PDB file of all heavy atoms in Angstrom:
ATOM      1  N   ALA A   1      28.656  -3.529  17.101  1.00  0.00           N
ATOM      2  CA  ALA A   1      28.965  -5.032  17.047  1.00  0.00           C
ATOM      3  C   ALA A   1      29.741  -5.336  18.378  1.00  0.00           C
ATOM      4  O   ALA A   1      30.619  -4.595  18.811  1.00  0.00           O
ATOM      5  CB  ALA A   1      29.901  -5.361  15.859  1.00  0.00           C
ATOM      6  N   VAL A   2      29.454  -6.477  18.928  1.00  0.00           N
ATOM      7  CA  VAL A   2      29.936  -6.896  20.189  1.00  0.00           C
ATOM      8  C   VAL A   2      30.515  -8.342  20.112  1.00  0.00           C
ATOM      9  O   VAL A   2      29.985  -9.202  19.402  1.00  0.00           O
ATOM     10  CB  VAL A   2      28.830  -6.877  21.372  1.00  0.00           C
ATOM     11  CG1 VAL A   2      29.246  -7.470  22.638  1.00  0.00           C
ATOM     12  CG2 VAL A   2      28.379  -5.428  21.464  1.00  0.00           C
ATOM     13  N   ASP A   3      31.622  -8.589  20.861  1.00  0.00           N
ATOM     14  CA  ASP A   3      32.184  -9.889  21.015  1.00  0.00           C
ATOM     15  C   ASP A   3      31.266 -10.752  22.011  1.00  0.00           C
ATOM     16  O   ASP A   3      31.257 -10.366  23.181  1.00  0.00           O
ATOM     17  CB  ASP A   3      33.521  -9.803  21.488  1.00  0.00           C
ATOM     18  CG  ASP A   3      34.301 -11.199  21.502  1.00  0.00           C
ATOM     19  OD1 ASP A   3      33.647 -12.283  21.380  1.00  0.00           O
ATOM     20  OD2 ASP A   3      35.524 -11.194  21.631  1.00  0.00           O
ATOM     21  N   PRO A   4      30.678 -11.873  21.539  1.00  0.00           N
ATOM     22  CA  PRO A   4      29.783 -12.583  22.587  1.00  0.00           C
ATOM     23  C   PRO A   4      30.642 -13.260  23.717  1.00  0.00           C
ATOM     24  O   PRO A   4      30.113 -13.695  24.631  1.00  0.00           O
ATOM     25  CB  PRO A   4      29.111 -13.597  21.707  1.00  0.00           C
ATOM     26  CG  PRO A   4      29.980 -13.711  20.514  1.00  0.00           C
ATOM     27  CD  PRO A   4      30.621 -12.524  20.271  1.00  0.00           C
ATOM     28  N   ALA A   5      31.988 -13.269  23.521  1.00  0.00           N
ATOM     29  CA  ALA A   5      32.792 -13.977  24.565  1.00  0.00           C
ATOM     30  C   ALA A   5      33.194 -12.969  25.659  1.00  0.00           C
ATOM     31  O   ALA A   5      33.921 -13.303  26.573  1.00  0.00           O
ATOM     32  CB  ALA A   5      34.032 -14.521  23.972  1.00  0.00           C
ATOM     33  N   ALA A   6      32.712 -11.705  25.563  1.00  0.00           N
ATOM     34  CA  ALA A   6      32.975 -10.667  26.627  1.00  0.00           C
ATOM     35  C   ALA A   6      32.656 -11.208  27.983  1.00  0.00           C
ATOM     36  O   ALA A   6      31.614 -11.849  28.149  1.00  0.00           O
ATOM     37  CB  ALA A   6      32.208  -9.404  26.259  1.00  0.00           C
ATOM     38  N   ASP A   7      33.476 -11.031  28.968  1.00  0.00           N
ATOM     39  CA  ASP A   7      33.243 -11.497  30.322  1.00  0.00           C
ATOM     40  C   ASP A   7      31.875 -11.040  30.803  1.00  0.00           C
ATOM     41  O   ASP A   7      31.169 -11.734  31.396  1.00  0.00           O
ATOM     42  CB  ASP A   7      34.386 -11.108  31.310  1.00  0.00           C
ATOM     43  CG  ASP A   7      35.711 -11.787  31.010  1.00  0.00           C
ATOM     44  OD1 ASP A   7      35.664 -12.921  30.299  1.00  0.00           O
ATOM     45  OD2 ASP A   7      36.738 -11.260  31.328  1.00  0.00           O
ATOM     46  N   ASP A   8      31.595  -9.788  30.600  1.00  0.00           N
ATOM     47  CA  ASP A   8      30.386  -9.213  31.055  1.00  0.00           C
ATOM     48  C   ASP A   8      29.498  -8.892  29.771  1.00  0.00           C
ATOM     49  O   ASP A   8      29.497  -7.696  29.311  1.00  0.00           O
ATOM     50  CB  ASP A   8      30.559  -7.945  31.880  1.00  0.00           C
ATOM     51  CG  ASP A   8      29.247  -7.292  32.290  1.00  0.00           C
ATOM     52  OD1 ASP A   8      28.201  -7.906  32.211  1.00  0.00           O
ATOM     53  OD2 ASP A   8      29.311  -6.128  32.783  1.00  0.00           O
ATOM     54  N   LEU A   9      28.929  -9.871  29.231  1.00  0.00           N
ATOM     55  CA  LEU A   9      28.184  -9.719  27.908  1.00  0.00           C
ATOM     56  C   LEU A   9      27.042  -8.844  28.181  1.00  0.00           C
ATOM     57  O   LEU A   9      26.670  -7.968  27.325  1.00  0.00           O
ATOM     58  CB  LEU A   9      27.721 -11.004  27.386  1.00  0.00           C
ATOM     59  CG  LEU A   9      26.925 -10.902  26.080  1.00  0.00           C
ATOM     60  CD1 LEU A   9      27.686 -10.247  24.945  1.00  0.00           C
ATOM     61  CD2 LEU A   9      26.563 -12.422  25.637  1.00  0.00           C
ATOM     62  N   THR A  10      26.347  -8.912  29.370  1.00  0.00           N
ATOM     63  CA  THR A  10      25.207  -8.036  29.698  1.00  0.00           C
ATOM     64  C   THR A  10      25.592  -6.569  29.622  1.00  0.00           C
ATOM     65  O   THR A  10      25.025  -5.755  28.981  1.00  0.00           O
ATOM     66  CB  THR A  10      24.641  -8.312  31.101  1.00  0.00           C
ATOM     67  OG1 THR A  10      24.196  -9.686  31.083  1.00  0.00           O
ATOM     68  CG2 THR A  10      23.560  -7.440  31.451  1.00  0.00           C
ATOM     69  N   GLY A  11      26.736  -6.307  30.275  1.00  0.00           N
ATOM     70  CA  GLY A  11      27.280  -4.895  30.206  1.00  0.00           C
ATOM     71  C   GLY A  11      27.638  -4.461  28.827  1.00  0.00           C
ATOM     72  O   GLY A  11      27.406  -3.321  28.406  1.00  0.00           O
ATOM     73  N   ALA A  12      28.276  -5.414  27.997  1.00  0.00           N
ATOM     74  CA  ALA A  12      28.683  -5.046  26.716  1.00  0.00           C
ATOM     75  C   ALA A  12      27.523  -4.693  25.831  1.00  0.00           C
ATOM     76  O   ALA A  12      27.559  -3.721  24.984  1.00  0.00           O
ATOM     77  CB  ALA A  12      29.504  -6.164  26.111  1.00  0.00           C
ATOM     78  N   LEU A  13      26.386  -5.465  25.942  1.00  0.00           N
ATOM     79  CA  LEU A  13      25.213  -5.190  25.160  1.00  0.00           C
ATOM     80  C   LEU A  13      24.547  -3.826  25.543  1.00  0.00           C
ATOM     81  O   LEU A  13      24.153  -3.088  24.692  1.00  0.00           O
ATOM     82  CB  LEU A  13      24.174  -6.373  25.351  1.00  0.00           C
ATOM     83  CG  LEU A  13      24.603  -7.707  24.779  1.00  0.00           C
ATOM     84  CD1 LEU A  13      23.609  -8.750  25.081  1.00  0.00           C
ATOM     85  CD2 LEU A  13      24.887  -7.667  23.249  1.00  0.00           C
ATOM     86  N   ARG A  14      24.500  -3.517  26.817  1.00  0.00           N
ATOM     87  CA  ARG A  14      23.942  -2.340  27.287  1.00  0.00           C
ATOM     88  C   ARG A  14      24.867  -1.145  26.868  1.00  0.00           C
ATOM     89  O   ARG A  14      24.294  -0.099  26.396  1.00  0.00           O
ATOM     90  CB  ARG A  14      23.716  -2.340  28.783  1.00  0.00           C
ATOM     91  CG  ARG A  14      22.659  -3.345  29.276  1.00  0.00           C
ATOM     92  CD  ARG A  14      22.387  -3.202  30.696  1.00  0.00           C
ATOM     93  NE  ARG A  14      21.189  -4.056  31.117  1.00  0.00           N
ATOM     94  CZ  ARG A  14      20.651  -4.024  32.337  1.00  0.00           C
ATOM     95  NH1 ARG A  14      21.101  -3.169  33.206  1.00  0.00           N
ATOM     96  NH2 ARG A  14      19.729  -4.790  32.542  1.00  0.00           N
ATOM     97  N   ALA A  15      26.207  -1.337  26.922  1.00  0.00           N
ATOM     98  CA  ALA A  15      27.052  -0.267  26.461  1.00  0.00           C
ATOM     99  C   ALA A  15      26.877  -0.006  24.999  1.00  0.00           C
ATOM    100  O   ALA A  15      26.914   1.214  24.637  1.00  0.00           O
ATOM    101  CB  ALA A  15      28.557  -0.658  26.802  1.00  0.00           C
ATOM    102  N   ALA A  16      26.698  -0.989  24.264  1.00  0.00           N
ATOM    103  CA  ALA A  16      26.456  -0.774  22.800  1.00  0.00           C
ATOM    104  C   ALA A  16      25.028  -0.068  22.518  1.00  0.00           C
ATOM    105  O   ALA A  16      24.825   0.378  21.362  1.00  0.00           O
ATOM    106  CB  ALA A  16      26.560  -2.173  22.088  1.00  0.00           C
ATOM    107  N   ASN A  17      24.204  -0.102  23.567  1.00  0.00           N
ATOM    108  CA  ASN A  17      22.963   0.567  23.397  1.00  0.00           C
ATOM    109  C   ASN A  17      22.874   1.926  24.262  1.00  0.00           C
ATOM    110  O   ASN A  17      21.895   2.172  24.850  1.00  0.00           O
ATOM    111  CB  ASN A  17      21.777  -0.409  23.856  1.00  0.00           C
ATOM    112  CG  ASN A  17      20.494   0.095  23.360  1.00  0.00           C
ATOM    113  OD1 ASN A  17      20.252   0.622  22.278  1.00  0.00           O
ATOM    114  ND2 ASN A  17      19.441  -0.110  24.274  1.00  0.00           N
ATOM    115  N   HIS A  18      23.988   2.538  24.220  1.00  0.00           N
ATOM    116  CA  HIS A  18      24.180   3.834  24.856  1.00  0.00           C
ATOM    117  C   HIS A  18      23.992   3.733  26.329  1.00  0.00           C
ATOM    118  O   HIS A  18      23.435   4.596  27.072  1.00  0.00           O
ATOM    119  CB  HIS A  18      23.198   4.910  24.265  1.00  0.00           C
ATOM    120  CG  HIS A  18      23.319   5.096  22.764  1.00  0.00           C
ATOM    121  ND1 HIS A  18      24.381   5.358  22.156  1.00  0.00           N
ATOM    122  CD2 HIS A  18      22.386   4.920  21.794  1.00  0.00           C
ATOM    123  CE1 HIS A  18      24.232   5.453  20.845  1.00  0.00           C
ATOM    124  NE2 HIS A  18      22.994   5.078  20.586  1.00  0.00           N
ATOM    125  N   GLY A  19      24.206   2.565  26.981  1.00  0.00           N
ATOM    126  CA  GLY A  19      24.114   2.343  28.326  1.00  0.00           C
ATOM    127  C   GLY A  19      22.783   1.865  28.792  1.00  0.00           C
ATOM    128  O   GLY A  19      22.617   1.588  29.978  1.00  0.00           O
ATOM    129  N   ASP A  20      21.815   1.721  27.901  1.00  0.00           N
ATOM    130  CA  ASP A  20      20.470   1.369  28.299  1.00  0.00           C
ATOM    131  C   ASP A  20      20.237  -0.192  28.014  1.00  0.00           C
ATOM    132  O   ASP A  20      20.910  -0.801  27.093  1.00  0.00           O
ATOM    133  CB  ASP A  20      19.468   2.043  27.343  1.00  0.00           C
ATOM    134  CG  ASP A  20      19.500   3.585  27.629  1.00  0.00           C
ATOM    135  OD1 ASP A  20      19.698   3.950  28.751  1.00  0.00           O
ATOM    136  OD2 ASP A  20      19.247   4.324  26.747  1.00  0.00           O
ATOM    137  N   PRO A  21      19.378  -0.759  28.715  1.00  0.00           N
ATOM    138  CA  PRO A  21      19.006  -2.208  28.461  1.00  0.00           C
ATOM    139  C   PRO A  21      18.375  -2.311  27.108  1.00  0.00           C
ATOM    140  O   PRO A  21      17.889  -1.277  26.517  1.00  0.00           O
ATOM    141  CB  PRO A  21      17.999  -2.577  29.637  1.00  0.00           C
ATOM    142  CG  PRO A  21      17.490  -1.259  30.075  1.00  0.00           C
ATOM    143  CD  PRO A  21      18.597  -0.229  29.923  1.00  0.00           C
ATOM    144  N   VAL A  22      18.231  -3.489  26.496  1.00  0.00           N
ATOM    145  CA  VAL A  22      17.815  -3.674  25.113  1.00  0.00           C
ATOM    146  C   VAL A  22      16.363  -4.176  25.064  1.00  0.00           C
ATOM    147  O   VAL A  22      15.860  -4.783  26.038  1.00  0.00           O
ATOM    148  CB  VAL A  22      18.775  -4.612  24.422  1.00  0.00           C
ATOM    149  CG1 VAL A  22      20.179  -4.035  24.376  1.00  0.00           C
ATOM    150  CG2 VAL A  22      18.749  -6.030  24.968  1.00  0.00           C
ATOM    151  N   ASP A  23      15.758  -3.900  23.952  1.00  0.00           N
ATOM    152  CA  ASP A  23      14.317  -4.303  23.804  1.00  0.00           C
ATOM    153  C   ASP A  23      14.055  -5.708  23.383  1.00  0.00           C
ATOM    154  O   ASP A  23      13.183  -6.374  23.797  1.00  0.00           O
ATOM    155  CB  ASP A  23      13.608  -3.250  22.822  1.00  0.00           C
ATOM    156  CG  ASP A  23      13.666  -1.857  23.308  1.00  0.00           C
ATOM    157  OD1 ASP A  23      13.149  -1.608  24.416  1.00  0.00           O
ATOM    158  OD2 ASP A  23      14.143  -0.995  22.577  1.00  0.00           O
ATOM    159  N   VAL A  24      14.921  -6.208  22.406  1.00  0.00           N
ATOM    160  CA  VAL A  24      14.741  -7.417  21.703  1.00  0.00           C
ATOM    161  C   VAL A  24      16.093  -8.189  21.560  1.00  0.00           C
ATOM    162  O   VAL A  24      17.094  -7.478  21.319  1.00  0.00           O
ATOM    163  CB  VAL A  24      14.092  -7.270  20.392  1.00  0.00           C
ATOM    164  CG1 VAL A  24      13.999  -8.675  19.694  1.00  0.00           C
ATOM    165  CG2 VAL A  24      12.746  -6.699  20.525  1.00  0.00           C
ATOM    166  N   VAL A  25      16.087  -9.387  21.820  1.00  0.00           N
ATOM    167  CA  VAL A  25      17.288 -10.278  21.577  1.00  0.00           C
ATOM    168  C   VAL A  25      16.819 -11.433  20.676  1.00  0.00           C
ATOM    169  O   VAL A  25      15.814 -12.173  21.113  1.00  0.00           O
ATOM    170  CB  VAL A  25      17.976 -10.789  22.874  1.00  0.00           C
ATOM    171  CG1 VAL A  25      19.171 -11.721  22.533  1.00  0.00           C
ATOM    172  CG2 VAL A  25      18.421  -9.624  23.711  1.00  0.00           C
ATOM    173  N   LEU A  26      17.474 -11.684  19.611  1.00  0.00           N
ATOM    174  CA  LEU A  26      17.303 -12.930  18.792  1.00  0.00           C
ATOM    175  C   LEU A  26      18.479 -13.819  19.100  1.00  0.00           C
ATOM    176  O   LEU A  26      19.660 -13.525  18.787  1.00  0.00           O
ATOM    177  CB  LEU A  26      17.250 -12.588  17.276  1.00  0.00           C
ATOM    178  CG  LEU A  26      16.285 -11.424  16.879  1.00  0.00           C
ATOM    179  CD1 LEU A  26      16.296 -11.282  15.439  1.00  0.00           C
ATOM    180  CD2 LEU A  26      14.894 -11.750  17.416  1.00  0.00           C
TER     181      LEU A  26
END
């Protein structure tokens, strides 16, 4: 789970995916 207000949301999403970019975003 990630806070969408994170300054670097892109980085936070990738970090939550073990550092990898993500396949799908809803």
